[in-house]
Amino acid sequence: MNNKIPSYFFSIIMKNEDNNKFVYVDNPGDLGGPTKGGITQKTLSRFLGKPASVDDVKNMTYQQWCDIMEDMFWIEPKLNQIPWPSVLMAPIFDAGVMSGPNRAIKMLQSMIGVYPDGMVGPNTLIACSKYLLEHDTKDILESYCDERCKYYDDIVATNESQRKWISGWKNRAHGFLIA
């Protein structure tokens, strides 16, 4: 088990966050609220152990961002324990940054056929190992992309104001597919 996040995952996230820019964004239509590099004010508050202000989000350093990504999106949700190669973990990590690690894990669990509780435990790890033996990389990536897209469709079905984001969300999910 490797606790360190693969370093290229940082560039994957940055590629998906406003064209490689580590910038502050506060789009009134984005339900996540103020963000920088995909880190919300709520997530920064958890990381800091105190309420984060908008200025705290604006002034978040790249090192803080890296620490949050590794601690809160890789180690804390136990993605580092899943015995899959990086090429398969990258879209799960990305989904965690975009929708929260628990949601990313629930999508994975739905795909591999275990109860979707959003936590990586023994049943999830066993099912991941079995799934990896029974499916090739392309199939796994396509299945996980399908799970992500179903989730995004569900968001829009329950909140029509989010429709403006769906093509970007789906493009991001499809960006992990291989020919």
Foldseek 3Di string as FASTA:
>chain_A
DDLDDPVCLLVLLCCLPPRNDQAWDADVLDPQGIAGSLQGQVLVCVVVVHRDDSVCRGPPDPVNVSVSLSPQQDPVLPVVVAPDDPLLSSLLSNVCSNPNQLLSQLLLCVLLPHHSPSHDDDVSNVSSVVVPVVDDPQVSLVSSLVSQLVVLVVVCVVPVSCVVCNVSSSVSSCVSHDD
